[in-house]
């Protein structure tokens, strides 16, 4: 590991509503940063079977997830949409070694996580509700009623939090990726609360 990575890395908490394009932007950013040892993308543990149309994740049963949680295997964990999610503790170890960790997390835990894991930066990926609905519909994973319920879910509003980077992902994928890469290369931590 490079001596330039001697300080604690930044935890980038990427959040946003379903359909905002987080997975697409994260996948493309991962490709662009491939070979840059300063960045590591967290692979989540989820109580959902692995399927080709879902993100690459480690699939576990609810019982196994609970055992991992009890054993302290996660630096962050939460429940959403009937599933349990965890960010393995190994990524916090990498962050302590100076690597910047990019994690796709729930809006419900982002603010508290930013307090716990300094330095941390919240990156909000969002899009207009009509576009979110259209993107979710294209996935063909949920009924129209389930999409409506998902979009109306009340989650903490984080677009007004000091220091949060907002990415309006309603343009091209290339534009969204450029905005995300710009957010990940943020250097001025003095503004981070």
N, C-alpha and C. Protein backbone atom coordinates (compact mmCIF):
# COMPACT_ATOMS: atom_id res chain seq x y z
N UNK A 1 0.84 -1.18 0.00
CA UNK A 1 0.00 0.00 0.00
C UNK A 1 0.88 1.24 0.00
N UNK A 2 0.49 2.21 -0.74
CA UNK A 2 1.20 3.48 -0.92
C UNK A 2 1.26 4.25 0.40
N UNK A 3 2.40 4.88 0.69
CA UNK A 3 2.51 5.69 1.90
C UNK A 3 1.54 6.85 1.91
N UNK A 4 1.07 7.28 0.73
CA UNK A 4 0.12 8.39 0.65
C UNK A 4 -1.22 8.01 1.27
N UNK A 5 -1.43 6.72 1.54
CA UNK A 5 -2.69 6.28 2.14
C UNK A 5 -2.56 6.07 3.64
N UNK A 6 -1.65 6.75 4.29
CA UNK A 6 -1.40 6.55 5.71
C UNK A 6 -2.54 7.08 6.58
N UNK A 7 -3.26 8.11 6.15
CA UNK A 7 -4.36 8.65 6.95
C UNK A 7 -5.62 7.82 6.74
N UNK A 8 -6.59 8.01 7.63
CA UNK A 8 -7.87 7.32 7.51
C UNK A 8 -8.57 7.79 6.24
N UNK A 9 -9.13 6.84 5.51
CA UNK A 9 -9.84 7.17 4.28
C UNK A 9 -11.22 7.75 4.54
N UNK A 10 -11.85 8.21 3.50
CA UNK A 10 -13.20 8.77 3.57
C UNK A 10 -14.21 7.66 3.34
N UNK A 11 -15.28 7.65 4.10
CA UNK A 11 -16.41 6.77 3.85
C UNK A 11 -17.43 7.56 3.05
N UNK A 12 -17.65 7.15 1.81
CA UNK A 12 -18.66 7.79 0.96
C UNK A 12 -19.94 6.99 1.08
N UNK A 13 -20.98 7.62 1.62
CA UNK A 13 -22.28 7.00 1.83
C UNK A 13 -23.18 7.40 0.67
N UNK A 14 -23.35 6.51 -0.29
CA UNK A 14 -24.15 6.81 -1.48
C UNK A 14 -25.58 6.38 -1.19
N UNK A 15 -26.50 7.34 -1.29
CA UNK A 15 -27.90 7.10 -0.96
C UNK A 15 -28.80 7.66 -2.06
N UNK A 16 -30.05 7.28 -2.00
CA UNK A 16 -31.04 7.81 -2.92
C UNK A 16 -32.18 6.84 -3.10
N UNK A 17 -33.26 7.31 -3.63
CA UNK A 17 -34.44 6.46 -3.80
C UNK A 17 -34.22 5.38 -4.85
N UNK A 18 -34.99 4.31 -4.76
CA UNK A 18 -34.95 3.25 -5.78
C UNK A 18 -35.29 3.86 -7.13
N UNK A 19 -34.52 3.47 -8.14
CA UNK A 19 -34.75 3.99 -9.48
C UNK A 19 -33.92 5.22 -9.81
N UNK A 20 -33.17 5.73 -8.83
CA UNK A 20 -32.36 6.93 -9.07
C UNK A 20 -31.13 6.62 -9.91
N UNK A 21 -30.76 5.35 -9.99
CA UNK A 21 -29.61 4.96 -10.80
C UNK A 21 -28.33 4.76 -10.02
N UNK A 22 -28.44 4.57 -8.71
CA UNK A 22 -27.24 4.40 -7.88
C UNK A 22 -26.38 3.23 -8.37
N UNK A 23 -27.00 2.07 -8.58
CA UNK A 23 -26.23 0.89 -8.97
C UNK A 23 -25.51 1.11 -10.30
N UNK A 24 -26.20 1.71 -11.25
CA UNK A 24 -25.59 1.98 -12.56
C UNK A 24 -24.38 2.90 -12.41
N UNK A 25 -24.57 3.99 -11.66
CA UNK A 25 -23.47 4.94 -11.48
C UNK A 25 -22.31 4.31 -10.70
N UNK A 26 -22.63 3.53 -9.68
CA UNK A 26 -21.58 2.88 -8.90
C UNK A 26 -20.82 1.86 -9.74
N UNK A 27 -21.54 1.08 -10.57
CA UNK A 27 -20.87 0.11 -11.43
C UNK A 27 -19.91 0.80 -12.40
N UNK A 28 -20.36 1.88 -13.01
CA UNK A 28 -19.51 2.59 -13.97
C UNK A 28 -18.33 3.28 -13.29
N UNK A 29 -18.59 3.84 -12.10
CA UNK A 29 -17.49 4.48 -11.36
C UNK A 29 -16.45 3.43 -10.96
N UNK A 30 -16.92 2.25 -10.56
CA UNK A 30 -16.01 1.15 -10.21
C UNK A 30 -15.12 0.81 -11.40
N UNK A 31 -15.71 0.76 -12.59
CA UNK A 31 -14.93 0.49 -13.80
C UNK A 31 -13.89 1.59 -14.04
N UNK A 32 -14.30 2.85 -13.88
CA UNK A 32 -13.40 3.98 -14.14
C UNK A 32 -12.25 4.02 -13.14
N UNK A 33 -12.51 3.61 -11.89
CA UNK A 33 -11.50 3.68 -10.84
C UNK A 33 -10.73 2.37 -10.68
N UNK A 34 -11.02 1.40 -11.55
CA UNK A 34 -10.32 0.12 -11.49
C UNK A 34 -8.80 0.36 -11.56
N UNK A 35 -8.09 -0.21 -10.63
CA UNK A 35 -6.64 -0.04 -10.61
C UNK A 35 -6.18 1.11 -9.73
N UNK A 36 -7.11 1.96 -9.27
CA UNK A 36 -6.75 3.05 -8.36
C UNK A 36 -6.89 2.51 -6.94
N UNK A 37 -5.77 2.20 -6.32
CA UNK A 37 -5.74 1.56 -5.01
C UNK A 37 -6.34 2.40 -3.89
N UNK A 38 -6.58 3.67 -4.15
CA UNK A 38 -7.14 4.53 -3.11
C UNK A 38 -8.61 4.26 -2.84
N UNK A 39 -9.31 3.60 -3.76
CA UNK A 39 -10.75 3.42 -3.65
C UNK A 39 -11.13 1.94 -3.58
N UNK A 40 -12.10 1.65 -2.73
CA UNK A 40 -12.66 0.31 -2.64
C UNK A 40 -14.19 0.45 -2.56
N UNK A 41 -14.89 -0.37 -3.33
CA UNK A 41 -16.35 -0.35 -3.35
C UNK A 41 -16.87 -1.49 -2.49
N UNK A 42 -17.70 -1.15 -1.51
CA UNK A 42 -18.22 -2.15 -0.57
C UNK A 42 -19.22 -3.07 -1.27
N UNK A 43 -19.05 -4.36 -1.07
CA UNK A 43 -19.99 -5.37 -1.56
C UNK A 43 -20.89 -5.71 -0.38
N UNK A 44 -22.18 -5.44 -0.54
CA UNK A 44 -23.11 -5.60 0.57
C UNK A 44 -23.49 -7.07 0.79
N UNK A 45 -23.88 -7.37 2.04
CA UNK A 45 -24.47 -8.64 2.42
C UNK A 45 -25.97 -8.37 2.52
N UNK A 46 -26.77 -9.19 1.81
CA UNK A 46 -28.22 -8.94 1.75
C UNK A 46 -28.97 -10.26 1.90
N UNK A 47 -30.10 -10.22 2.56
CA UNK A 47 -30.94 -11.40 2.70
C UNK A 47 -31.85 -11.52 1.47
N UNK A 48 -31.22 -11.53 0.30
CA UNK A 48 -31.94 -11.67 -0.97
C UNK A 48 -31.11 -12.62 -1.83
N UNK A 49 -31.77 -13.53 -2.54
CA UNK A 49 -31.01 -14.43 -3.42
C UNK A 49 -30.26 -13.63 -4.49
N UNK A 50 -29.12 -14.16 -4.91
CA UNK A 50 -28.37 -13.55 -6.01
C UNK A 50 -29.11 -13.83 -7.31
N UNK A 51 -29.31 -12.79 -8.09
CA UNK A 51 -29.97 -12.93 -9.39
C UNK A 51 -29.24 -12.03 -10.37
N UNK A 52 -29.24 -12.40 -11.66
CA UNK A 52 -28.50 -11.62 -12.66
C UNK A 52 -28.93 -10.16 -12.76
N UNK A 53 -30.21 -9.85 -12.49
CA UNK A 53 -30.67 -8.47 -12.65
C UNK A 53 -30.54 -7.64 -11.39
N UNK A 54 -29.97 -8.20 -10.32
CA UNK A 54 -29.73 -7.45 -9.09
C UNK A 54 -28.25 -7.12 -8.98
N UNK A 55 -27.92 -6.24 -8.05
CA UNK A 55 -26.52 -5.91 -7.82
C UNK A 55 -25.75 -7.14 -7.36
N UNK A 56 -24.45 -7.12 -7.57
CA UNK A 56 -23.57 -8.16 -7.08
C UNK A 56 -23.48 -7.99 -5.57
N UNK A 57 -23.94 -9.00 -4.84
CA UNK A 57 -23.91 -8.94 -3.38
C UNK A 57 -23.70 -10.35 -2.83
N UNK A 58 -23.40 -10.41 -1.54
CA UNK A 58 -23.32 -11.70 -0.87
C UNK A 58 -24.70 -12.02 -0.32
N UNK A 59 -25.26 -13.12 -0.77
CA UNK A 59 -26.60 -13.52 -0.36
C UNK A 59 -26.52 -14.43 0.87
N UNK A 60 -27.30 -14.09 1.90
CA UNK A 60 -27.36 -14.92 3.11
C UNK A 60 -28.81 -15.06 3.55
N UNK A 61 -29.08 -16.08 4.34
CA UNK A 61 -30.41 -16.26 4.92
C UNK A 61 -30.59 -15.26 6.05
N UNK A 62 -31.84 -14.98 6.44
CA UNK A 62 -32.05 -14.09 7.59
C UNK A 62 -31.36 -14.60 8.86
N UNK A 63 -31.39 -15.92 9.08
CA UNK A 63 -30.72 -16.47 10.26
C UNK A 63 -29.21 -16.25 10.22
N UNK A 64 -28.62 -16.48 9.04
CA UNK A 64 -27.18 -16.26 8.90
C UNK A 64 -26.83 -14.79 9.09
N UNK A 65 -27.67 -13.91 8.54
CA UNK A 65 -27.44 -12.48 8.71
C UNK A 65 -27.44 -12.13 10.20
N UNK A 66 -28.44 -12.64 10.93
CA UNK A 66 -28.53 -12.35 12.37
C UNK A 66 -27.30 -12.86 13.12
N UNK A 67 -26.79 -14.03 12.73
CA UNK A 67 -25.57 -14.56 13.37
C UNK A 67 -24.38 -13.64 13.08
N UNK A 68 -24.26 -13.21 11.83
CA UNK A 68 -23.17 -12.29 11.48
C UNK A 68 -23.27 -10.99 12.26
N UNK A 69 -24.49 -10.48 12.38
CA UNK A 69 -24.72 -9.25 13.13
C UNK A 69 -24.31 -9.41 14.59
N UNK A 70 -24.71 -10.50 15.20
CA UNK A 70 -24.35 -10.77 16.60
C UNK A 70 -22.84 -10.91 16.77
N UNK A 71 -22.18 -11.44 15.75
CA UNK A 71 -20.72 -11.63 15.81
C UNK A 71 -19.93 -10.36 15.49
N UNK A 72 -20.63 -9.23 15.22
CA UNK A 72 -19.95 -7.97 14.95
C UNK A 72 -19.33 -7.91 13.56
N UNK A 73 -19.92 -8.65 12.60
CA UNK A 73 -19.33 -8.72 11.26
C UNK A 73 -19.61 -7.49 10.40
N UNK A 74 -20.52 -6.63 10.84
CA UNK A 74 -20.91 -5.47 10.03
C UNK A 74 -20.52 -4.16 10.70
N UNK A 75 -20.03 -3.22 9.90
CA UNK A 75 -19.82 -1.87 10.42
C UNK A 75 -21.13 -1.09 10.36
N UNK A 76 -21.98 -1.43 9.38
CA UNK A 76 -23.30 -0.81 9.24
C UNK A 76 -24.30 -1.89 8.86
N UNK A 77 -25.52 -1.77 9.37
CA UNK A 77 -26.59 -2.69 8.97
C UNK A 77 -27.92 -1.98 9.11
N UNK A 78 -28.90 -2.45 8.31
CA UNK A 78 -30.23 -1.84 8.32
C UNK A 78 -31.21 -2.79 7.66
N UNK A 79 -32.49 -2.48 7.80
CA UNK A 79 -33.56 -3.23 7.15
C UNK A 79 -34.35 -2.28 6.27
N UNK A 80 -34.72 -2.76 5.07
CA UNK A 80 -35.54 -1.97 4.16
C UNK A 80 -36.25 -2.91 3.19
N UNK A 81 -37.49 -2.63 2.92
CA UNK A 81 -38.28 -3.39 1.94
C UNK A 81 -38.28 -4.89 2.24
N UNK A 82 -38.32 -5.23 3.53
CA UNK A 82 -38.39 -6.63 3.93
C UNK A 82 -37.08 -7.39 3.85
N UNK A 83 -35.98 -6.69 3.60
CA UNK A 83 -34.66 -7.31 3.50
C UNK A 83 -33.72 -6.72 4.54
N UNK A 84 -32.67 -7.46 4.87
CA UNK A 84 -31.63 -6.98 5.77
C UNK A 84 -30.37 -6.77 4.95
N UNK A 85 -29.67 -5.67 5.25
CA UNK A 85 -28.47 -5.27 4.53
C UNK A 85 -27.33 -5.05 5.52
N UNK A 86 -26.12 -5.38 5.10
CA UNK A 86 -24.96 -5.13 5.95
C UNK A 86 -23.74 -4.76 5.12
N UNK A 87 -22.93 -3.87 5.69
CA UNK A 87 -21.63 -3.53 5.12
C UNK A 87 -20.59 -4.23 6.01
N UNK A 88 -19.86 -5.21 5.46
CA UNK A 88 -18.90 -5.95 6.28
C UNK A 88 -17.84 -5.06 6.94
N UNK A 89 -17.45 -5.43 8.13
CA UNK A 89 -16.45 -4.71 8.91
C UNK A 89 -15.11 -4.62 8.18
N UNK A 90 -14.85 -5.53 7.25
CA UNK A 90 -13.58 -5.52 6.52
C UNK A 90 -13.37 -4.20 5.79
N UNK A 91 -14.46 -3.53 5.40
CA UNK A 91 -14.32 -2.25 4.70
C UNK A 91 -13.91 -1.14 5.66
N UNK A 92 -14.31 -1.23 6.90
CA UNK A 92 -13.84 -0.24 7.89
C UNK A 92 -12.35 -0.45 8.14
N UNK A 93 -11.91 -1.70 8.13
CA UNK A 93 -10.48 -1.98 8.28
C UNK A 93 -9.72 -1.34 7.11
N UNK A 94 -10.23 -1.48 5.90
CA UNK A 94 -9.60 -0.86 4.73
C UNK A 94 -9.57 0.66 4.86
N UNK A 95 -10.65 1.23 5.36
CA UNK A 95 -10.72 2.69 5.54
C UNK A 95 -9.69 3.15 6.55
N UNK A 96 -9.50 2.39 7.61
CA UNK A 96 -8.50 2.74 8.62
C UNK A 96 -7.09 2.67 8.05
N UNK A 97 -6.90 1.91 6.99
CA UNK A 97 -5.60 1.82 6.32
C UNK A 97 -5.41 2.95 5.32
N UNK A 98 -6.44 3.80 5.14
CA UNK A 98 -6.31 4.94 4.26
C UNK A 98 -7.05 4.85 2.95
N UNK A 99 -7.75 3.76 2.71
CA UNK A 99 -8.50 3.63 1.46
C UNK A 99 -9.86 4.31 1.61
N UNK A 100 -10.33 4.90 0.53
CA UNK A 100 -11.66 5.52 0.51
C UNK A 100 -12.68 4.44 0.18
N UNK A 101 -13.69 4.29 1.02
CA UNK A 101 -14.70 3.24 0.87
C UNK A 101 -15.99 3.86 0.35
N UNK A 102 -16.51 3.29 -0.72
CA UNK A 102 -17.77 3.76 -1.32
C UNK A 102 -18.81 2.70 -1.00
N UNK A 103 -19.87 3.10 -0.29
CA UNK A 103 -20.90 2.15 0.13
C UNK A 103 -22.28 2.66 -0.23
N UNK A 104 -23.08 1.81 -0.84
CA UNK A 104 -24.47 2.08 -1.16
C UNK A 104 -25.27 1.73 0.10
N UNK A 105 -25.82 2.74 0.76
CA UNK A 105 -26.52 2.52 2.02
C UNK A 105 -27.92 3.13 1.97
N UNK A 106 -28.69 2.83 2.99
CA UNK A 106 -30.04 3.37 3.10
C UNK A 106 -30.01 4.80 3.62
N UNK A 107 -30.95 5.59 3.12
CA UNK A 107 -31.07 6.96 3.61
C UNK A 107 -31.33 7.00 5.11
N UNK A 108 -31.98 5.95 5.64
CA UNK A 108 -32.35 5.95 7.05
C UNK A 108 -31.15 5.88 8.00
N UNK A 109 -29.99 5.43 7.52
CA UNK A 109 -28.83 5.32 8.40
C UNK A 109 -27.70 6.26 8.03
N UNK A 110 -27.82 6.98 6.94
CA UNK A 110 -26.69 7.77 6.41
C UNK A 110 -26.22 8.85 7.38
N UNK A 111 -27.13 9.58 7.97
CA UNK A 111 -26.73 10.69 8.84
C UNK A 111 -26.00 10.17 10.08
N UNK A 112 -26.53 9.11 10.69
CA UNK A 112 -25.87 8.54 11.87
C UNK A 112 -24.53 7.93 11.49
N UNK A 113 -24.47 7.27 10.33
CA UNK A 113 -23.21 6.66 9.88
C UNK A 113 -22.14 7.72 9.66
N UNK A 114 -22.56 8.87 9.15
CA UNK A 114 -21.59 9.94 8.93
C UNK A 114 -21.00 10.42 10.25
N UNK A 115 -21.79 10.41 11.30
CA UNK A 115 -21.29 10.80 12.62
C UNK A 115 -20.34 9.75 13.19
N UNK A 116 -20.63 8.48 12.95
CA UNK A 116 -19.84 7.39 13.52
C UNK A 116 -18.51 7.16 12.82
N UNK A 117 -18.47 7.44 11.52
CA UNK A 117 -17.30 7.08 10.72
C UNK A 117 -16.70 8.32 10.05
N UNK A 118 -16.06 9.13 10.84
CA UNK A 118 -15.45 10.34 10.32
C UNK A 118 -14.05 10.02 9.80
N UNK A 119 -13.65 10.57 8.67
CA UNK A 119 -14.43 11.46 7.81
C UNK A 119 -15.37 10.67 6.90
N UNK A 120 -16.54 11.24 6.69
CA UNK A 120 -17.54 10.61 5.81
C UNK A 120 -18.26 11.69 5.04
N UNK A 121 -18.73 11.32 3.88
CA UNK A 121 -19.43 12.25 3.01
C UNK A 121 -20.66 11.55 2.46
N UNK A 122 -21.81 12.20 2.52
CA UNK A 122 -23.04 11.67 1.95
C UNK A 122 -23.15 12.15 0.51
N UNK A 123 -23.42 11.21 -0.40
CA UNK A 123 -23.64 11.51 -1.81
C UNK A 123 -25.06 11.06 -2.13
N UNK A 124 -25.92 12.01 -2.47
CA UNK A 124 -27.33 11.72 -2.76
C UNK A 124 -27.52 11.65 -4.26
N UNK A 125 -27.95 10.49 -4.75
CA UNK A 125 -28.30 10.32 -6.15
C UNK A 125 -29.82 10.37 -6.22
N UNK A 126 -30.35 11.27 -7.03
CA UNK A 126 -31.79 11.44 -7.08
C UNK A 126 -32.25 11.71 -8.51
N UNK A 127 -33.55 11.71 -8.70
CA UNK A 127 -34.16 12.00 -10.00
C UNK A 127 -35.62 12.34 -9.73
N UNK A 128 -36.29 13.01 -10.67
CA UNK A 128 -37.72 13.32 -10.49
C UNK A 128 -38.54 12.03 -10.32
N UNK A 129 -39.63 12.12 -9.54
CA UNK A 129 -40.46 10.94 -9.24
C UNK A 129 -40.96 10.22 -10.49
N UNK A 130 -41.30 10.99 -11.53
CA UNK A 130 -41.80 10.36 -12.76
C UNK A 130 -40.73 9.47 -13.37
N UNK A 131 -39.48 9.93 -13.34
CA UNK A 131 -38.38 9.16 -13.89
C UNK A 131 -38.08 7.95 -13.01
N UNK A 132 -38.17 8.13 -11.70
CA UNK A 132 -37.99 7.00 -10.78
C UNK A 132 -39.01 5.91 -11.08
N UNK A 133 -40.27 6.30 -11.23
CA UNK A 133 -41.34 5.34 -11.51
C UNK A 133 -41.09 4.61 -12.83
N UNK A 134 -40.68 5.35 -13.85
CA UNK A 134 -40.42 4.74 -15.16
C UNK A 134 -39.27 3.74 -15.07
N UNK A 135 -38.21 4.09 -14.36
CA UNK A 135 -37.06 3.19 -14.23
C UNK A 135 -37.44 1.93 -13.45
N UNK A 136 -38.21 2.11 -12.37
CA UNK A 136 -38.63 0.95 -11.59
C UNK A 136 -39.54 0.04 -12.40
N UNK A 137 -40.38 0.61 -13.21
CA UNK A 137 -41.28 -0.17 -14.06
C UNK A 137 -40.48 -1.00 -15.07
N UNK A 138 -39.41 -0.43 -15.61
CA UNK A 138 -38.56 -1.15 -16.57
C UNK A 138 -37.88 -2.37 -15.96
N UNK A 139 -37.66 -2.34 -14.66
CA UNK A 139 -37.01 -3.47 -13.99
C UNK A 139 -37.90 -4.71 -13.99
N UNK A 140 -39.22 -4.51 -14.03
CA UNK A 140 -40.20 -5.61 -14.02
C UNK A 140 -40.06 -6.51 -12.80
N UNK A 141 -39.67 -5.93 -11.67
CA UNK A 141 -39.53 -6.71 -10.44
C UNK A 141 -40.70 -6.48 -9.49
N UNK A 142 -41.44 -5.39 -9.70
CA UNK A 142 -42.52 -5.04 -8.79
C UNK A 142 -43.76 -4.64 -9.58
N UNK A 143 -44.91 -4.80 -8.94
CA UNK A 143 -46.16 -4.37 -9.56
C UNK A 143 -46.27 -2.85 -9.48
N UNK A 144 -47.23 -2.30 -10.22
CA UNK A 144 -47.44 -0.85 -10.18
C UNK A 144 -47.75 -0.39 -8.76
N UNK A 145 -48.53 -1.18 -8.02
CA UNK A 145 -48.87 -0.83 -6.64
C UNK A 145 -47.63 -0.85 -5.75
N UNK A 146 -46.76 -1.84 -5.95
CA UNK A 146 -45.53 -1.92 -5.16
C UNK A 146 -44.59 -0.75 -5.48
N UNK A 147 -44.54 -0.36 -6.74
CA UNK A 147 -43.71 0.79 -7.13
C UNK A 147 -44.24 2.06 -6.48
N UNK A 148 -45.54 2.23 -6.52
CA UNK A 148 -46.15 3.41 -5.90
C UNK A 148 -45.85 3.45 -4.40
N UNK A 149 -45.97 2.29 -3.74
CA UNK A 149 -45.67 2.22 -2.30
C UNK A 149 -44.20 2.53 -2.04
N UNK A 150 -43.32 2.00 -2.88
CA UNK A 150 -41.89 2.25 -2.71
C UNK A 150 -41.58 3.74 -2.83
N UNK A 151 -42.18 4.39 -3.83
CA UNK A 151 -41.90 5.81 -4.06
C UNK A 151 -42.51 6.71 -2.99
N UNK A 152 -43.57 6.23 -2.35
CA UNK A 152 -44.20 7.07 -1.31
C UNK A 152 -43.62 6.81 0.07
N UNK A 153 -42.71 5.84 0.17
CA UNK A 153 -42.09 5.52 1.46
C UNK A 153 -41.45 6.78 2.05
N UNK A 154 -41.74 7.00 3.29
CA UNK A 154 -41.15 8.15 3.97
C UNK A 154 -39.75 7.81 4.44
N UNK A 155 -38.79 8.52 3.96
CA UNK A 155 -37.40 8.34 4.39
C UNK A 155 -36.86 9.71 4.78
N UNK A 156 -35.86 9.72 5.62
CA UNK A 156 -35.30 11.01 6.00
C UNK A 156 -34.88 11.81 4.78
N UNK A 157 -35.22 13.08 4.76
CA UNK A 157 -34.81 13.96 3.66
C UNK A 157 -33.40 14.41 3.94
N UNK A 158 -32.49 14.08 3.05
CA UNK A 158 -31.09 14.41 3.32
C UNK A 158 -30.52 15.38 2.31
N UNK A 159 -31.35 15.87 1.42
CA UNK A 159 -30.81 16.78 0.42
C UNK A 159 -30.40 18.12 1.01
N UNK A 160 -30.87 18.45 2.20
CA UNK A 160 -30.54 19.73 2.82
C UNK A 160 -29.43 19.63 3.88
N UNK A 161 -28.82 18.48 4.03
CA UNK A 161 -27.80 18.30 5.06
C UNK A 161 -26.51 18.99 4.61
N UNK A 162 -25.92 19.72 5.54
CA UNK A 162 -24.65 20.40 5.24
C UNK A 162 -23.63 19.40 4.70
N UNK A 163 -23.02 19.76 3.61
CA UNK A 163 -21.95 18.96 3.07
C UNK A 163 -22.38 17.81 2.17
N UNK A 164 -23.68 17.51 2.09
CA UNK A 164 -24.12 16.42 1.21
C UNK A 164 -23.94 16.86 -0.25
N UNK A 165 -23.45 15.95 -1.06
CA UNK A 165 -23.30 16.20 -2.49
C UNK A 165 -24.55 15.64 -3.17
N UNK A 166 -25.24 16.48 -3.93
CA UNK A 166 -26.47 16.07 -4.61
C UNK A 166 -26.18 15.83 -6.08
N UNK A 167 -26.53 14.64 -6.57
CA UNK A 167 -26.38 14.32 -7.99
C UNK A 167 -27.78 14.14 -8.56
N UNK A 168 -28.21 15.06 -9.39
CA UNK A 168 -29.50 14.96 -10.08
C UNK A 168 -29.25 14.07 -11.30
N UNK A 169 -29.65 12.80 -11.20
CA UNK A 169 -29.34 11.80 -12.23
C UNK A 169 -30.50 11.65 -13.21
N UNK A 170 -30.81 12.73 -13.90
CA UNK A 170 -31.89 12.66 -14.89
C UNK A 170 -31.37 12.85 -16.31
N UNK A 171 -30.05 13.00 -16.45
CA UNK A 171 -29.45 13.15 -17.78
C UNK A 171 -28.89 11.82 -18.26
N UNK A 172 -27.78 11.89 -18.96
CA UNK A 172 -27.16 10.67 -19.47
C UNK A 172 -26.41 9.95 -18.35
N UNK A 173 -26.15 8.67 -18.57
CA UNK A 173 -25.36 7.90 -17.62
C UNK A 173 -23.97 8.51 -17.50
N UNK A 174 -23.40 8.93 -18.62
CA UNK A 174 -22.06 9.54 -18.60
C UNK A 174 -22.03 10.78 -17.72
N UNK A 175 -23.07 11.61 -17.79
CA UNK A 175 -23.14 12.80 -16.94
C UNK A 175 -23.22 12.42 -15.47
N UNK A 176 -24.03 11.41 -15.17
CA UNK A 176 -24.16 10.95 -13.78
C UNK A 176 -22.86 10.39 -13.25
N UNK A 177 -22.16 9.61 -14.07
CA UNK A 177 -20.88 9.03 -13.65
C UNK A 177 -19.86 10.13 -13.42
N UNK A 178 -19.82 11.12 -14.30
CA UNK A 178 -18.90 12.24 -14.12
C UNK A 178 -19.16 12.95 -12.80
N UNK A 179 -20.43 13.17 -12.48
CA UNK A 179 -20.78 13.83 -11.22
C UNK A 179 -20.38 12.98 -10.02
N UNK A 180 -20.59 11.67 -10.11
CA UNK A 180 -20.21 10.80 -9.00
C UNK A 180 -18.70 10.77 -8.83
N UNK A 181 -17.97 10.65 -9.92
CA UNK A 181 -16.50 10.65 -9.82
C UNK A 181 -15.99 11.96 -9.22
N UNK A 182 -16.61 13.07 -9.59
CA UNK A 182 -16.24 14.36 -9.02
C UNK A 182 -16.47 14.35 -7.51
N UNK A 183 -17.60 13.77 -7.07
CA UNK A 183 -17.90 13.70 -5.63
C UNK A 183 -16.90 12.80 -4.89
N UNK A 184 -16.50 11.70 -5.52
CA UNK A 184 -15.58 10.76 -4.89
C UNK A 184 -14.16 11.30 -4.79
N UNK A 185 -13.84 12.25 -5.61
CA UNK A 185 -12.50 12.83 -5.58
C UNK A 185 -12.45 14.12 -4.76
N UNK A 186 -13.50 14.35 -3.97
CA UNK A 186 -13.58 15.51 -3.09
C UNK A 186 -12.43 15.48 -2.09
N UNK A 187 -11.73 16.58 -1.93
CA UNK A 187 -10.56 16.60 -1.06
C UNK A 187 -10.69 17.50 0.17
N UNK A 188 -11.56 18.49 0.14
CA UNK A 188 -11.62 19.49 1.21
C UNK A 188 -12.46 18.97 2.38
N UNK A 189 -11.82 18.25 3.28
CA UNK A 189 -12.55 17.68 4.40
C UNK A 189 -12.86 18.70 5.49
N UNK A 190 -12.33 19.89 5.37
CA UNK A 190 -12.60 20.92 6.38
C UNK A 190 -14.07 21.24 6.44
N UNK A 191 -14.78 21.05 5.33
CA UNK A 191 -16.22 21.35 5.29
C UNK A 191 -17.06 20.20 5.81
N UNK A 192 -16.45 19.03 6.04
CA UNK A 192 -17.21 17.88 6.50
C UNK A 192 -17.57 18.03 7.97
N UNK A 193 -18.88 18.04 8.27
CA UNK A 193 -19.28 18.18 9.69
C UNK A 193 -18.88 16.97 10.50
